[in-house]
Amino acid sequence: MEEPGQIKRALLDASAGAISGGISRTVTSPLDVIKIRFQVQLEPTSSWALLRGDLSGSSKYTGMSQATKDILREEGLPGFWRGNVPALLMVMPYTAIQFAVLHKLKTFASGSSKTVDHLSISPYLSYISGGLAGCAATVGSYPFDLLRTILASQGEPKVYPTMRSALFDIISTRGFRGLYAGLSPTLVEIVPYAGLQFGTYDTFKRWAMTWNRSRSFNTSSTTGHSLSSFQLFICGLAAGTCAKLVCHPLDVVKKRFQIEGLQRHPKYGARVDHRAYKNMFDALQRILQSEGWHGLYKGIVPSTIKAAPAGAVTFVAYEFTSDWLESILS
């Protein structure tokens, strides 16, 4: 059985992670909805259709500005927060598990529970710890991710009026396994994504602290051992961007699995038939054949724009919430 101090530390990390994840998700929800609409759209955008000479199919969304205007006109402001309840139910336990497991792994690797000592572990261990923490968090919160994607992509008129109706329909038509549709590409995606996000965040923090120390070398200041909120924001911004650019294609594949069989209105384009893809590799191949390389990067602009502030807000909120909780609990 763990010592009380370790249990308190785990609860602190989980609470700080849940709070930071909830703040980040709510702030960036509009960009997430736009990203999902592009990812589940089978038709190419008009500009890429012209380049490829494929004018057979028209697409509902052709650019961020146009998509924003269409969603606002057809669904109003609430449309940008569609699926936000299951998103919060997903992201809060996800970030809670992720940060708690991450802190535990780094404590084991560094031999110390102090956050400042965790920067002393090798970059490789930072990447591995982030990847393993991401896997644990994904498995624990995946059904809510699935529901969030379905509700955010259905458009108007709604296929499912509530999260509950979507949940019961998925279970009745696909069984409980249906709640984990797309889990394989998600796990394949989350290992490099979480590894890159946390690994590069630690790397950028080390660089920033080294830079701070070099600036205060000739003074008695100890600012080199701490980072400002702006520096933490920039480190999180860079980490989120790097991770998203590398892992976006697998996120597209995951979304396609998640909306299999969703009978949304034809104005949103072709539907993904039930069991349209045999497995992750078959999905990658089919998307490449029918949509080209661009198909694997649909939604990359709103995704990157969202990932950068999402990563920054998550890390900054976590650092501040963790410090605040530690101060009132100690």
Protein backbone atom coordinates (compact mmCIF):
# COMPACT_ATOMS: atom_id res chain seq x y z
CA MET A 1 0.00 0.00 0.00
CA GLU A 2 1.24 3.46 -0.90
CA GLU A 3 2.26 5.94 1.77
CA PRO A 4 -0.16 8.81 2.46
CA GLY A 5 2.25 11.32 0.91
CA GLN A 6 2.31 9.39 -2.34
CA ILE A 7 -1.47 9.07 -2.41
CA LYS A 8 -1.85 12.81 -1.78
CA ARG A 9 0.63 13.53 -4.58
CA ALA A 10 -1.28 11.30 -7.01
CA LEU A 11 -4.59 12.99 -6.13
CA LEU A 12 -2.98 16.40 -6.50
CA ASP A 13 -1.61 15.55 -9.96
CA ALA A 14 -4.93 14.02 -11.02
CA SER A 15 -6.93 17.05 -9.80
CA ALA A 16 -4.58 19.55 -11.45
CA GLY A 17 -4.66 17.53 -14.67
CA ALA A 18 -8.45 17.33 -14.71
CA ILE A 19 -8.87 21.08 -14.10
CA SER A 20 -6.28 22.07 -16.72
CA GLY A 21 -7.76 19.66 -19.26
CA GLY A 22 -11.27 21.00 -18.72
CA ILE A 23 -10.15 24.62 -19.15
CA SER A 24 -8.15 23.82 -22.29
CA ARG A 25 -10.94 21.79 -23.91
CA THR A 26 -13.62 24.43 -23.34
CA VAL A 27 -11.43 27.25 -24.66
CA THR A 28 -10.43 25.38 -27.84
CA SER A 29 -13.73 23.58 -28.57
CA PRO A 30 -14.65 25.72 -31.65
CA LEU A 31 -11.38 24.81 -33.37
CA ASP A 32 -11.90 21.16 -32.44
CA VAL A 33 -15.37 21.10 -34.01
CA ILE A 34 -14.05 22.66 -37.25
CA LYS A 35 -11.15 20.18 -37.30
CA ILE A 36 -13.49 17.20 -36.91
CA ARG A 37 -15.80 18.43 -39.69
CA PHE A 38 -12.85 18.47 -42.09
CA GLN A 39 -11.48 15.12 -40.92
CA VAL A 40 -14.75 13.24 -41.48
CA GLN A 41 -15.37 14.87 -44.87
CA LEU A 42 -14.56 12.32 -47.58
CA GLU A 43 -14.65 14.79 -50.48
CA PRO A 44 -11.51 16.86 -51.21
CA THR A 45 -11.58 20.61 -50.66
CA SER A 46 -12.10 22.57 -53.87
CA SER A 47 -8.54 23.90 -54.15
CA TRP A 48 -7.01 20.45 -53.85
CA ALA A 49 -9.64 19.02 -56.19
CA LEU A 50 -8.46 21.48 -58.86
CA LEU A 51 -4.81 20.51 -58.33
CA ARG A 52 -5.65 16.82 -58.60
CA GLY A 53 -8.07 17.32 -61.49
CA ASP A 54 -10.86 15.75 -59.45
CA LEU A 55 -14.01 17.80 -59.85
CA SER A 56 -16.48 14.93 -59.44
CA GLY A 57 -17.43 15.68 -55.88
CA SER A 58 -18.13 18.95 -54.13
CA SER A 59 -17.21 19.40 -50.49
CA LYS A 60 -19.26 20.97 -47.74
CA TYR A 61 -16.28 22.71 -46.15
CA THR A 62 -13.49 24.22 -48.24
CA GLY A 63 -11.61 26.41 -45.78
CA MET A 64 -11.50 27.51 -42.15
CA SER A 65 -13.21 30.85 -42.75
CA GLN A 66 -15.97 29.30 -44.86
CA ALA A 67 -16.49 26.45 -42.37
CA THR A 68 -16.72 28.91 -39.48
CA LYS A 69 -19.33 31.00 -41.29
CA ASP A 70 -21.38 27.94 -42.32
CA ILE A 71 -21.44 26.43 -38.83
CA LEU A 72 -22.35 29.80 -37.31
CA ARG A 73 -25.14 30.38 -39.85
CA GLU A 74 -26.62 26.87 -39.72
CA GLU A 75 -26.11 25.92 -36.08
CA GLY A 76 -25.45 29.17 -34.24
CA LEU A 77 -22.79 29.67 -31.55
CA PRO A 78 -23.76 26.44 -29.70
CA GLY A 79 -22.61 24.54 -32.79
CA PHE A 80 -19.01 25.34 -31.91
CA TRP A 81 -19.42 23.61 -28.55
CA ARG A 82 -21.28 20.60 -29.91
CA GLY A 83 -20.05 17.48 -28.14
CA ASN A 84 -18.32 19.55 -25.45
CA VAL A 85 -20.00 17.68 -22.57
CA PRO A 86 -18.64 14.25 -23.59
CA ALA A 87 -15.40 16.04 -24.52
CA LEU A 88 -15.11 17.31 -20.95
CA LEU A 89 -16.07 13.87 -19.61
CA MET A 90 -13.29 12.50 -21.79
CA VAL A 91 -10.56 15.08 -21.31
CA MET A 92 -10.87 15.53 -17.55
CA PRO A 93 -10.28 11.86 -16.64
CA TYR A 94 -7.80 11.67 -19.54
CA THR A 95 -5.60 14.49 -18.28
CA ALA A 96 -6.10 13.37 -14.66
CA ILE A 97 -4.81 9.87 -15.46
CA GLN A 98 -2.12 11.22 -17.79
CA PHE A 99 -0.53 13.66 -15.36
CA ALA A 100 -0.84 11.27 -12.39
CA VAL A 101 0.81 8.40 -14.29
CA LEU A 102 3.39 10.75 -15.80
CA HIS A 103 4.43 12.07 -12.38
CA LYS A 104 4.65 8.51 -11.03
CA LEU A 105 6.85 7.37 -13.93
CA LYS A 106 9.13 10.40 -13.65
CA THR A 107 9.38 9.92 -9.89
CA PHE A 108 10.46 6.32 -10.49
CA ALA A 109 12.98 7.37 -13.18
CA SER A 110 14.50 10.27 -11.21
CA GLY A 111 14.23 8.79 -7.72
CA SER A 112 12.55 11.97 -6.49
CA SER A 113 8.94 13.16 -6.28
CA LYS A 114 9.95 16.81 -6.72
CA THR A 115 8.89 18.23 -10.09
CA VAL A 116 12.09 20.25 -10.47
CA ASP A 117 14.14 17.03 -10.22
CA HIS A 118 12.18 15.46 -13.07
CA LEU A 119 13.96 17.72 -15.56
CA SER A 120 17.20 15.91 -14.72
CA ILE A 121 16.09 12.64 -16.32
CA SER A 122 17.23 11.93 -19.88
CA PRO A 123 15.12 13.20 -22.81
CA TYR A 124 14.52 9.59 -23.85
CA LEU A 125 12.88 8.81 -20.50
CA SER A 126 10.77 11.96 -20.83
CA TYR A 127 9.46 10.76 -24.21
CA ILE A 128 8.84 7.20 -22.96
CA SER A 129 7.08 8.42 -19.80
CA GLY A 130 4.83 10.70 -21.86
CA GLY A 131 3.94 7.90 -24.28
CA LEU A 132 3.06 5.41 -21.54
CA ALA A 133 1.03 8.02 -19.65
CA GLY A 134 -0.87 8.81 -22.85
CA CYS A 135 -1.69 5.12 -23.41
CA ALA A 136 -3.06 4.71 -19.89
CA ALA A 137 -5.16 7.86 -20.21
CA THR A 138 -6.52 6.88 -23.64
CA VAL A 139 -7.77 3.46 -22.58
CA GLY A 140 -9.43 4.96 -19.50
CA SER A 141 -11.35 7.69 -21.33
CA TYR A 142 -11.83 6.47 -24.91
CA PRO A 143 -15.64 5.95 -25.01
CA PHE A 144 -16.16 9.66 -24.25
CA ASP A 145 -13.78 10.54 -27.09
CA LEU A 146 -15.89 8.44 -29.45
CA LEU A 147 -19.13 10.10 -28.33
CA ARG A 148 -17.56 13.55 -28.61
CA THR A 149 -16.52 12.89 -32.22
CA ILE A 150 -19.95 11.58 -33.23
CA LEU A 151 -21.84 14.50 -31.67
CA ALA A 152 -19.41 17.08 -33.09
CA SER A 153 -19.53 15.69 -36.62
CA GLN A 154 -23.28 15.05 -37.06
CA GLY A 155 -24.27 18.61 -38.03
CA GLU A 156 -27.95 19.55 -38.58
CA PRO A 157 -30.44 17.96 -38.38
CA LYS A 158 -29.03 16.01 -35.46
CA VAL A 159 -28.79 12.25 -35.70
CA TYR A 160 -28.52 12.01 -31.93
CA PRO A 161 -30.18 14.74 -29.83
CA THR A 162 -28.30 13.75 -26.67
CA MET A 163 -25.19 11.92 -25.56
CA ARG A 164 -27.37 9.27 -23.95
CA SER A 165 -29.20 8.48 -27.21
CA ALA A 166 -25.87 8.15 -29.02
CA LEU A 167 -24.50 5.87 -26.30
CA PHE A 168 -27.49 3.49 -26.34
CA ASP A 169 -27.62 3.37 -30.15
CA ILE A 170 -23.91 2.50 -30.41
CA ILE A 171 -24.26 -0.26 -27.81
CA SER A 172 -27.39 -1.68 -29.50
CA THR A 173 -25.94 -1.64 -33.03
CA ARG A 174 -22.24 -2.31 -32.43
CA GLY A 175 -22.14 -3.73 -28.93
CA PHE A 176 -19.80 -2.57 -26.18
CA ARG A 177 -16.88 -3.06 -28.58
CA GLY A 178 -18.38 -0.23 -30.62
CA LEU A 179 -17.44 2.19 -27.84
CA TYR A 180 -13.80 1.43 -28.64
CA ALA A 181 -14.03 1.76 -32.44
CA GLY A 182 -10.77 3.32 -33.66
CA LEU A 183 -8.85 2.49 -30.48
CA SER A 184 -5.97 0.83 -32.37
CA PRO A 185 -5.00 3.87 -34.49
CA THR A 186 -5.57 6.03 -31.40
CA LEU A 187 -3.04 4.04 -29.37
CA VAL A 188 -0.62 4.04 -32.29
CA GLU A 189 -1.09 7.80 -32.52
CA ILE A 190 -0.98 8.59 -28.81
CA VAL A 191 2.40 6.99 -28.11
CA PRO A 192 4.37 9.33 -30.41
CA TYR A 193 1.96 12.22 -29.77
CA ALA A 194 2.07 12.16 -25.97
CA GLY A 195 5.76 11.26 -26.07
CA LEU A 196 6.53 14.21 -28.33
CA GLN A 197 4.28 16.58 -26.41
CA PHE A 198 5.71 15.87 -22.98
CA GLY A 199 9.23 15.15 -24.18
CA THR A 200 9.55 18.36 -26.18
CA TYR A 201 7.85 20.32 -23.39
CA ASP A 202 10.55 19.15 -20.96
CA THR A 203 13.24 19.88 -23.54
CA PHE A 204 11.96 23.41 -24.14
CA LYS A 205 11.75 23.97 -20.38
CA ARG A 206 15.39 22.90 -19.98
CA TRP A 207 16.44 25.28 -22.76
CA ALA A 208 14.44 28.12 -21.21
CA MET A 209 15.95 27.51 -17.77
CA THR A 210 19.45 27.39 -19.27
CA TRP A 211 18.75 30.67 -21.04
CA ASN A 212 17.47 32.20 -17.78
CA ARG A 213 20.59 31.07 -15.92
CA SER A 214 22.85 32.51 -18.61
CA ARG A 215 21.09 35.87 -18.28
CA SER A 216 21.37 35.90 -14.49
CA PHE A 217 24.89 34.43 -14.37
CA ASN A 218 26.48 37.63 -13.13
CA THR A 219 23.82 38.32 -10.51
CA SER A 220 22.65 36.59 -7.35
CA SER A 221 19.20 36.06 -8.84
CA THR A 222 17.70 32.56 -8.73
CA THR A 223 15.27 33.14 -11.58
CA GLY A 224 17.15 30.62 -13.69
CA HIS A 225 15.55 27.83 -11.66
CA SER A 226 11.98 28.94 -12.43
CA LEU A 227 10.08 29.93 -15.54
CA SER A 228 7.60 32.76 -16.07
CA SER A 229 4.02 32.02 -17.11
CA PHE A 230 4.84 33.41 -20.56
CA GLN A 231 7.81 31.04 -20.93
CA LEU A 232 5.67 28.09 -19.84
CA PHE A 233 3.04 29.17 -22.39
CA ILE A 234 5.62 29.30 -25.20
CA CYS A 235 7.04 25.89 -24.23
CA GLY A 236 3.55 24.37 -24.25
CA LEU A 237 2.73 26.10 -27.54
CA ALA A 238 5.83 24.66 -29.25
CA ALA A 239 5.31 21.20 -27.77
CA GLY A 240 1.67 21.00 -28.89
CA THR A 241 2.52 22.16 -32.42
CA CYS A 242 5.37 19.67 -32.89
CA ALA A 243 3.30 16.73 -31.68
CA LYS A 244 0.26 17.56 -33.80
CA LEU A 245 2.16 18.06 -37.06
CA VAL A 246 3.75 14.62 -36.77
CA CYS A 247 0.68 12.63 -35.66
CA HIS A 248 -2.24 14.22 -37.54
CA PRO A 249 -2.75 11.45 -40.17
CA LEU A 250 -3.49 8.86 -37.48
CA ASP A 251 -6.00 11.24 -35.93
CA VAL A 252 -7.83 11.41 -39.29
CA VAL A 253 -7.95 7.60 -39.46
CA LYS A 254 -9.27 7.43 -35.89
CA LYS A 255 -12.09 9.87 -36.70
CA ARG A 256 -13.13 7.82 -39.73
CA PHE A 257 -13.47 4.70 -37.60
CA GLN A 258 -15.42 6.60 -34.98
CA ILE A 259 -18.13 7.82 -37.39
CA GLU A 260 -18.64 4.55 -39.28
CA GLY A 261 -22.34 4.16 -40.04
CA LEU A 262 -23.32 7.65 -38.84
CA GLN A 263 -26.37 8.64 -40.92
CA ARG A 264 -25.84 12.38 -40.99
CA HIS A 265 -27.54 14.65 -43.55
CA PRO A 266 -26.35 14.18 -47.19
CA LYS A 267 -25.45 17.89 -47.43
CA TYR A 268 -22.34 17.06 -45.39
CA GLY A 269 -21.13 14.74 -48.15
CA ALA A 270 -20.49 11.02 -48.43
CA ARG A 271 -20.97 8.88 -45.36
CA VAL A 272 -18.52 6.38 -43.98
CA ASP A 273 -20.25 3.01 -44.28
CA HIS A 274 -20.26 0.55 -41.41
CA ARG A 275 -17.11 -1.59 -41.57
CA ALA A 276 -15.79 0.55 -44.44
CA TYR A 277 -12.23 -0.16 -43.33
CA LYS A 278 -10.83 -3.56 -42.36
CA ASN A 279 -8.13 -2.15 -40.12
CA MET A 280 -5.90 0.87 -39.60
CA PHE A 281 -3.57 0.05 -42.49
CA ASP A 282 -6.50 -0.57 -44.85
CA ALA A 283 -7.94 2.81 -43.85
CA LEU A 284 -4.63 4.57 -44.53
CA GLN A 285 -4.40 2.89 -47.94
CA ARG A 286 -7.98 3.68 -48.93
CA ILE A 287 -7.70 7.32 -47.89
CA LEU A 288 -4.47 7.65 -49.88
CA GLN A 289 -6.06 6.05 -52.96
CA SER A 290 -9.28 8.04 -52.94
CA GLU A 291 -8.20 11.35 -51.39
CA GLY A 292 -4.44 11.53 -51.87
CA TRP A 293 -1.88 12.62 -49.30
CA HIS A 294 -3.96 15.68 -48.56
CA GLY A 295 -6.69 13.36 -47.27
CA LEU A 296 -4.47 12.38 -44.38
CA TYR A 297 -3.98 16.03 -43.47
CA LYS A 298 -7.57 17.22 -43.66
CA GLY A 299 -8.21 19.63 -40.82
CA ILE A 300 -4.48 20.18 -40.22
CA VAL A 301 -4.85 23.98 -40.12
CA PRO A 302 -7.56 24.17 -37.40
CA SER A 303 -5.93 21.15 -35.73
CA THR A 304 -2.54 22.87 -35.47
CA ILE A 305 -4.09 26.21 -34.52
CA LYS A 306 -6.03 24.35 -31.81
CA ALA A 307 -3.17 22.08 -30.67
CA ALA A 308 -0.78 24.95 -30.00
CA PRO A 309 -2.98 26.96 -27.58
CA ALA A 310 -4.50 23.73 -26.19
CA GLY A 311 -1.06 22.46 -25.24
CA ALA A 312 -0.03 25.85 -23.90
CA VAL A 313 -3.21 26.34 -21.83
CA THR A 314 -3.05 22.76 -20.51
CA PHE A 315 0.55 22.99 -19.35
CA VAL A 316 0.26 26.50 -17.87
CA ALA A 317 -3.03 25.67 -16.13
CA TYR A 318 -1.53 22.44 -14.80
CA GLU A 319 1.61 24.13 -13.47
CA PHE A 320 -0.37 26.86 -11.71
CA THR A 321 -3.14 24.56 -10.45
CA SER A 322 -0.58 22.06 -9.17
CA ASP A 323 1.34 24.77 -7.31
CA TRP A 324 -1.91 26.20 -5.88
CA LEU A 325 -3.20 22.82 -4.69
CA GLU A 326 0.19 21.98 -3.22
CA SER A 327 0.25 25.27 -1.29
CA ILE A 328 -3.19 24.77 0.27
CA LEU A 329 -2.69 21.07 1.02
CA SER A 330 0.80 21.34 2.53
